[in-house]
C-alpha atoms as a PDB file:
ATOM      1  CA  UNK A   1     157.809 150.714 110.919  1.00  0.00           C
ATOM      2  CA  UNK A   2     159.245 147.256 111.535  1.00  0.00           C
ATOM      3  CA  UNK A   3     158.085 147.370 115.178  1.00  0.00           C
ATOM      4  CA  UNK A   4     154.450 147.950 114.147  1.00  0.00           C
ATOM      5  CA  UNK A   5     154.486 145.019 111.752  1.00  0.00           C
ATOM      6  CA  UNK A   6     155.677 142.773 114.521  1.00  0.00           C
ATOM      7  CA  UNK A   7     153.341 144.252 117.149  1.00  0.00           C
ATOM      8  CA  UNK A   8     150.079 143.864 115.170  1.00  0.00           C
ATOM      9  CA  UNK A   9     150.363 140.057 114.676  1.00  0.00           C
ATOM     10  CA  UNK A  10     151.422 139.652 118.311  1.00  0.00           C
ATOM     11  CA  UNK A  11     148.379 141.569 119.577  1.00  0.00           C
ATOM     12  CA  UNK A  12     146.102 139.666 117.172  1.00  0.00           C
ATOM     13  CA  UNK A  13     147.598 136.377 118.382  1.00  0.00           C
ATOM     14  CA  UNK A  14     147.018 137.270 122.030  1.00  0.00           C
ATOM     15  CA  UNK A  15     143.392 138.309 121.320  1.00  0.00           C
ATOM     16  CA  UNK A  16     142.721 135.058 119.432  1.00  0.00           C
ATOM     17  CA  UNK A  17     144.327 132.996 122.211  1.00  0.00           C
ATOM     18  CA  UNK A  18     142.207 134.753 124.866  1.00  0.00           C
ATOM     19  CA  UNK A  19     138.997 134.229 122.832  1.00  0.00           C
ATOM     20  CA  UNK A  20     139.823 130.546 122.290  1.00  0.00           C
ATOM     21  CA  UNK A  21     140.547 130.019 125.977  1.00  0.00           C
ATOM     22  CA  UNK A  22     137.290 131.771 126.948  1.00  0.00           C
ATOM     23  CA  UNK A  23     135.322 129.657 124.458  1.00  0.00           C
ATOM     24  CA  UNK A  24     136.824 126.405 125.725  1.00  0.00           C
ATOM     25  CA  UNK A  25     136.175 127.331 129.359  1.00  0.00           C
ATOM     26  CA  UNK A  26     132.564 128.420 128.828  1.00  0.00           C
ATOM     27  CA  UNK A  27     131.584 125.724 126.334  1.00  0.00           C
ATOM     28  CA  UNK A  28     129.673 122.934 128.079  1.00  0.00           C
ATOM     29  CA  UNK A  29     130.081 119.393 126.797  1.00  0.00           C
ATOM     30  CA  UNK A  30     127.282 118.439 124.433  1.00  0.00           C
ATOM     31  CA  UNK A  31     124.928 115.704 125.485  1.00  0.00           C
ATOM     32  CA  UNK A  32     124.126 114.117 122.136  1.00  0.00           C
ATOM     33  CA  UNK A  33     121.709 111.599 123.640  1.00  0.00           C
ATOM     34  CA  UNK A  34     119.676 114.486 125.082  1.00  0.00           C
ATOM     35  CA  UNK A  35     119.722 116.219 121.703  1.00  0.00           C
ATOM     36  CA  UNK A  36     118.478 113.051 120.000  1.00  0.00           C
ATOM     37  CA  UNK A  37     115.683 112.716 122.591  1.00  0.00           C
ATOM     38  CA  UNK A  38     114.746 116.368 122.073  1.00  0.00           C
ATOM     39  CA  UNK A  39     114.641 115.956 118.294  1.00  0.00           C
ATOM     40  CA  UNK A  40     112.447 112.860 118.688  1.00  0.00           C
ATOM     41  CA  UNK A  41     109.831 114.874 120.598  1.00  0.00           C
ATOM     42  CA  UNK A  42     109.738 117.867 118.239  1.00  0.00           C
ATOM     43  CA  UNK A  43     106.557 118.172 116.214  1.00  0.00           C
ATOM     44  CA  UNK A  44     107.075 119.466 112.689  1.00  0.00           C
ATOM     45  CA  UNK A  45     104.767 119.839 109.724  1.00  0.00           C
ATOM     46  CA  UNK A  46     105.799 118.022 106.568  1.00  0.00           C
ATOM     47  CA  UNK A  47     104.331 117.046 103.217  1.00  0.00           C
ATOM     48  CA  UNK A  48     102.256 113.881 103.115  1.00  0.00           C
ATOM     49  CA  UNK A  49     103.268 113.193  99.505  1.00  0.00           C
ATOM     50  CA  UNK A  50     105.786 110.532 100.612  1.00  0.00           C
ATOM     51  CA  UNK A  51     103.046 108.746 102.570  1.00  0.00           C
ATOM     52  CA  UNK A  52     100.986 107.899  99.494  1.00  0.00           C
ATOM     53  CA  UNK A  53      99.608 104.364  99.382  1.00  0.00           C
ATOM     54  CA  UNK A  54      97.192 102.150  97.540  1.00  0.00           C
ATOM     55  CA  UNK A  55      95.339  99.037  98.585  1.00  0.00           C
ATOM     56  CA  UNK A  56      92.238  96.972  97.974  1.00  0.00           C
ATOM     57  CA  UNK A  57      89.017  97.794  99.773  1.00  0.00           C
ATOM     58  CA  UNK A  58      86.414  95.290 100.973  1.00  0.00           C
ATOM     59  CA  UNK A  59      85.011  95.012  97.410  1.00  0.00           C
ATOM     60  CA  UNK A  60      88.489  94.434  95.921  1.00  0.00           C
ATOM     61  CA  UNK A  61      88.552  97.919  94.378  1.00  0.00           C
ATOM     62  CA  UNK A  62      91.852  99.793  94.414  1.00  0.00           C
ATOM     63  CA  UNK A  63      91.861 102.840  96.702  1.00  0.00           C
ATOM     64  CA  UNK A  64      94.655 105.408  96.264  1.00  0.00           C
ATOM     65  CA  UNK A  65      95.418 108.110  98.798  1.00  0.00           C
ATOM     66  CA  UNK A  66      96.840 110.211  95.938  1.00  0.00           C
ATOM     67  CA  UNK A  67      93.303 110.573  94.541  1.00  0.00           C
ATOM     68  CA  UNK A  68      92.479 112.871  97.487  1.00  0.00           C
ATOM     69  CA  UNK A  69      95.826 114.508  98.279  1.00  0.00           C
ATOM     70  CA  UNK A  70      95.844 118.239  97.620  1.00  0.00           C
ATOM     71  CA  UNK A  71      92.124 118.337  96.832  1.00  0.00           C
ATOM     72  CA  UNK A  72      90.529 117.431 100.156  1.00  0.00           C
ATOM     73  CA  UNK A  73      91.311 117.261 103.824  1.00  0.00           C
ATOM     74  CA  UNK A  74      91.805 113.619 104.747  1.00  0.00           C
ATOM     75  CA  UNK A  75      91.406 111.530 107.864  1.00  0.00           C
ATOM     76  CA  UNK A  76      93.364 108.261 107.821  1.00  0.00           C
ATOM     77  CA  UNK A  77      92.587 105.716 110.540  1.00  0.00           C
ATOM     78  CA  UNK A  78      94.699 102.627 111.228  1.00  0.00           C
ATOM     79  CA  UNK A  79      92.501 100.163 113.087  1.00  0.00           C
ATOM     80  CA  UNK A  80      92.991  96.704 114.583  1.00  0.00           C
ATOM     81  CA  UNK A  81      92.492  94.196 111.772  1.00  0.00           C
ATOM     82  CA  UNK A  82      92.950  91.237 114.109  1.00  0.00           C
ATOM     83  CA  UNK A  83      90.118  92.484 116.305  1.00  0.00           C
ATOM     84  CA  UNK A  84      87.964  93.116 113.236  1.00  0.00           C
ATOM     85  CA  UNK A  85      86.135  96.095 111.781  1.00  0.00           C
ATOM     86  CA  UNK A  86      82.992  95.199 113.704  1.00  0.00           C
ATOM     87  CA  UNK A  87      84.767  95.343 117.081  1.00  0.00           C
ATOM     88  CA  UNK A  88      87.237  98.237 116.760  1.00  0.00           C
ATOM     89  CA  UNK A  89      85.844 101.068 118.928  1.00  0.00           C
ATOM     90  CA  UNK A  90      87.670 103.898 117.117  1.00  0.00           C
ATOM     91  CA  UNK A  91      86.518 102.657 113.696  1.00  0.00           C
ATOM     92  CA  UNK A  92      82.914 102.397 114.883  1.00  0.00           C
ATOM     93  CA  UNK A  93      83.172 105.881 116.432  1.00  0.00           C
ATOM     94  CA  UNK A  94      84.499 107.233 113.135  1.00  0.00           C
ATOM     95  CA  UNK A  95      81.481 105.773 111.347  1.00  0.00           C
ATOM     96  CA  UNK A  96      79.176 107.532 113.838  1.00  0.00           C
ATOM     97  CA  UNK A  97      80.839 110.888 113.124  1.00  0.00           C
ATOM     98  CA  UNK A  98      81.218 110.424 109.368  1.00  0.00           C
ATOM     99  CA  UNK A  99      78.239 112.666 108.511  1.00  0.00           C
ATOM    100  CA  UNK A 100      80.004 115.634 110.148  1.00  0.00           C
ATOM    101  CA  UNK A 101      83.147 114.955 108.149  1.00  0.00           C
ATOM    102  CA  UNK A 102      81.234 114.548 104.890  1.00  0.00           C
ATOM    103  CA  UNK A 103      79.503 117.888 105.478  1.00  0.00           C
ATOM    104  CA  UNK A 104      82.969 119.504 105.645  1.00  0.00           C
ATOM    105  CA  UNK A 105      84.218 117.667 102.522  1.00  0.00           C
ATOM    106  CA  UNK A 106      86.669 115.519 104.491  1.00  0.00           C
ATOM    107  CA  UNK A 107      87.652 112.200 102.897  1.00  0.00           C
ATOM    108  CA  UNK A 108      88.092 109.170 105.147  1.00  0.00           C
ATOM    109  CA  UNK A 109      90.194 106.053 104.605  1.00  0.00           C
ATOM    110  CA  UNK A 110      90.550 103.263 107.172  1.00  0.00           C
ATOM    111  CA  UNK A 111      93.518 100.864 106.930  1.00  0.00           C
ATOM    112  CA  UNK A 112      94.207  97.520 108.605  1.00  0.00           C
ATOM    113  CA  UNK A 113      96.010  94.239 108.072  1.00  0.00           C
ATOM    114  CA  UNK A 114      92.664  92.457 107.604  1.00  0.00           C
ATOM    115  CA  UNK A 115      92.074  90.913 104.183  1.00  0.00           C
ATOM    116  CA  UNK A 116      89.256  92.274 101.967  1.00  0.00           C
ATOM    117  CA  UNK A 117      87.097  89.202 102.650  1.00  0.00           C
ATOM    118  CA  UNK A 118      87.550  89.677 106.421  1.00  0.00           C
ATOM    119  CA  UNK A 119      86.386  93.285 106.108  1.00  0.00           C
ATOM    120  CA  UNK A 120      83.439  92.150 103.959  1.00  0.00           C
ATOM    121  CA  UNK A 121      82.454  89.601 106.602  1.00  0.00           C
ATOM    122  CA  UNK A 122      82.600  92.282 109.337  1.00  0.00           C
ATOM    123  CA  UNK A 123      80.228  94.428 107.256  1.00  0.00           C
ATOM    124  CA  UNK A 124      77.429  91.822 107.162  1.00  0.00           C
ATOM    125  CA  UNK A 125      74.115  93.154 108.550  1.00  0.00           C
ATOM    126  CA  UNK A 126      74.264  90.809 111.546  1.00  0.00           C
ATOM    127  CA  UNK A 127      77.701  92.178 112.463  1.00  0.00           C
ATOM    128  CA  UNK A 128      78.731  95.836 112.012  1.00  0.00           C
ATOM    129  CA  UNK A 129      76.849  96.619 108.809  1.00  0.00           C
ATOM    130  CA  UNK A 130      78.147  98.854 106.020  1.00  0.00           C
ATOM    131  CA  UNK A 131      80.825 101.529 106.357  1.00  0.00           C
ATOM    132  CA  UNK A 132      80.450 104.746 104.322  1.00  0.00           C
ATOM    133  CA  UNK A 133      84.202 104.948 103.621  1.00  0.00           C
ATOM    134  CA  UNK A 134      86.714 102.429 102.296  1.00  0.00           C
ATOM    135  CA  UNK A 135      88.327  99.825 104.547  1.00  0.00           C
ATOM    136  CA  UNK A 136      91.711  99.293 102.895  1.00  0.00           C
ATOM    137  CA  UNK A 137      93.700  96.088 103.339  1.00  0.00           C
ATOM    138  CA  UNK A 138      97.449  96.441 103.851  1.00  0.00           C
ATOM    139  CA  UNK A 139      98.617  93.287 102.136  1.00  0.00           C
ATOM    140  CA  UNK A 140     100.211  92.353  98.828  1.00  0.00           C
ATOM    141  CA  UNK A 141      98.819  89.151  97.256  1.00  0.00           C
ATOM    142  CA  UNK A 142     101.638  89.056  94.694  1.00  0.00           C
ATOM    143  CA  UNK A 143     104.479  89.735  97.121  1.00  0.00           C
ATOM    144  CA  UNK A 144     103.668  88.671 100.721  1.00  0.00           C
ATOM    145  CA  UNK A 145     107.031  90.020 101.956  1.00  0.00           C
ATOM    146  CA  UNK A 146     105.684  93.493 101.198  1.00  0.00           C
ATOM    147  CA  UNK A 147     102.822  93.010 103.655  1.00  0.00           C
ATOM    148  CA  UNK A 148     102.309  95.867 106.108  1.00  0.00           C
ATOM    149  CA  UNK A 149     103.963  98.261 103.652  1.00  0.00           C
ATOM    150  CA  UNK A 150     101.454 101.016 104.455  1.00  0.00           C
ATOM    151  CA  UNK A 151     101.769 100.471 108.195  1.00  0.00           C
ATOM    152  CA  UNK A 152     105.567 100.602 108.014  1.00  0.00           C
ATOM    153  CA  UNK A 153     105.581 103.788 105.930  1.00  0.00           C
ATOM    154  CA  UNK A 154     103.281 105.481 108.451  1.00  0.00           C
ATOM    155  CA  UNK A 155     105.167 104.209 111.536  1.00  0.00           C
ATOM    156  CA  UNK A 156     102.283 101.936 112.504  1.00  0.00           C
ATOM    157  CA  UNK A 157     104.162  98.650 112.669  1.00  0.00           C
ATOM    158  CA  UNK A 158     105.936  97.330 115.757  1.00  0.00           C
ATOM    159  CA  UNK A 159     108.766  95.006 114.689  1.00  0.00           C
ATOM    160  CA  UNK A 160     109.343  93.829 118.254  1.00  0.00           C
ATOM    161  CA  UNK A 161     105.801  92.447 118.609  1.00  0.00           C
ATOM    162  CA  UNK A 162     105.062  91.839 114.922  1.00  0.00           C
ATOM    163  CA  UNK A 163     101.789  93.708 115.328  1.00  0.00           C
ATOM    164  CA  UNK A 164     100.139  96.744 113.806  1.00  0.00           C
ATOM    165  CA  UNK A 165      99.611  99.861 115.903  1.00  0.00           C
ATOM    166  CA  UNK A 166      96.376 101.861 115.725  1.00  0.00           C
ATOM    167  CA  UNK A 167      96.375 105.576 115.014  1.00  0.00           C
ATOM    168  CA  UNK A 168      94.397 108.398 113.454  1.00  0.00           C
ATOM    169  CA  UNK A 169      95.959 111.085 111.259  1.00  0.00           C
ATOM    170  CA  UNK A 170      94.834 114.316 109.643  1.00  0.00           C
ATOM    171  CA  UNK A 171      96.168 115.639 106.315  1.00  0.00           C
ATOM    172  CA  UNK A 172      95.200 119.160 105.304  1.00  0.00           C
ATOM    173  CA  UNK A 173      94.400 120.384 101.796  1.00  0.00           C
ATOM    174  CA  UNK A 174      97.982 121.597 101.364  1.00  0.00           C
ATOM    175  CA  UNK A 175      99.208 117.996 101.911  1.00  0.00           C
ATOM    176  CA  UNK A 176     100.582 118.922 105.348  1.00  0.00           C
ATOM    177  CA  UNK A 177     100.702 116.429 108.213  1.00  0.00           C
ATOM    178  CA  UNK A 178     102.356 116.545 111.633  1.00  0.00           C
ATOM    179  CA  UNK A 179     105.509 114.469 112.130  1.00  0.00           C
ATOM    180  CA  UNK A 180     107.321 113.535 115.316  1.00  0.00           C
ATOM    181  CA  UNK A 181     110.483 111.453 115.557  1.00  0.00           C
ATOM    182  CA  UNK A 182     110.628 110.762 111.822  1.00  0.00           C
ATOM    183  CA  UNK A 183     107.083 109.382 111.508  1.00  0.00           C
ATOM    184  CA  UNK A 184     103.604 110.894 111.207  1.00  0.00           C
ATOM    185  CA  UNK A 185     102.258 111.949 114.608  1.00  0.00           C
ATOM    186  CA  UNK A 186      98.872 110.402 115.426  1.00  0.00           C
ATOM    187  CA  UNK A 187      96.042 112.436 116.912  1.00  0.00           C
ATOM    188  CA  UNK A 188      95.030 111.138 120.355  1.00  0.00           C
ATOM    189  CA  UNK A 189      91.557 109.935 119.286  1.00  0.00           C
ATOM    190  CA  UNK A 190      89.020 109.912 116.478  1.00  0.00           C
ATOM    191  CA  UNK A 191      86.921 112.502 118.326  1.00  0.00           C
ATOM    192  CA  UNK A 192      89.843 114.945 118.580  1.00  0.00           C
ATOM    193  CA  UNK A 193      90.697 114.398 114.912  1.00  0.00           C
ATOM    194  CA  UNK A 194      87.093 115.041 113.877  1.00  0.00           C
ATOM    195  CA  UNK A 195      86.898 118.181 116.048  1.00  0.00           C
ATOM    196  CA  UNK A 196      90.047 119.545 114.407  1.00  0.00           C
ATOM    197  CA  UNK A 197      88.490 119.064 110.971  1.00  0.00           C
ATOM    198  CA  UNK A 198      84.968 120.394 111.555  1.00  0.00           C
ATOM    199  CA  UNK A 199      85.640 123.492 113.647  1.00  0.00           C
END
């Protein structure tokens, strides 16, 4: 009886030692940098609730993304405020295709670093004319250090250049939006975003 009690732990010890040795020999070293790069390129669907924002439009009215979230599909366009609303090709293309989006009950919000009066000036008849959706200004008149807050939240601000990045995004009725690398993933163009919403 004593021999069995000694033999069982010895056999168990040998089996565990063999399994450990096999695991160590077959386990390849992990390349954490490669894993980080892989994670950064994964596209996942997440809630857009954390991306909520508010800002003044060209008529100094407050526009809130939350007013549309969960009730409509939404297209959010970040355009070049330095270039101006009357010269941004993607913004002008979005205006051309707005009727299609409206027919499918899609809400549109365009965001830039331009001030409301700059957007108003771009909408004069001799320039671009009116836009059928709000042009929201990403600035804070009370707290200038909070400027570009919307751009930063959406991953549309480049700290190295100090400039805004353009991009178009689609939020579905369930508040879902595609993310990649910790930030919302832009659609390649306004036309592709519109096609995804009207098909």
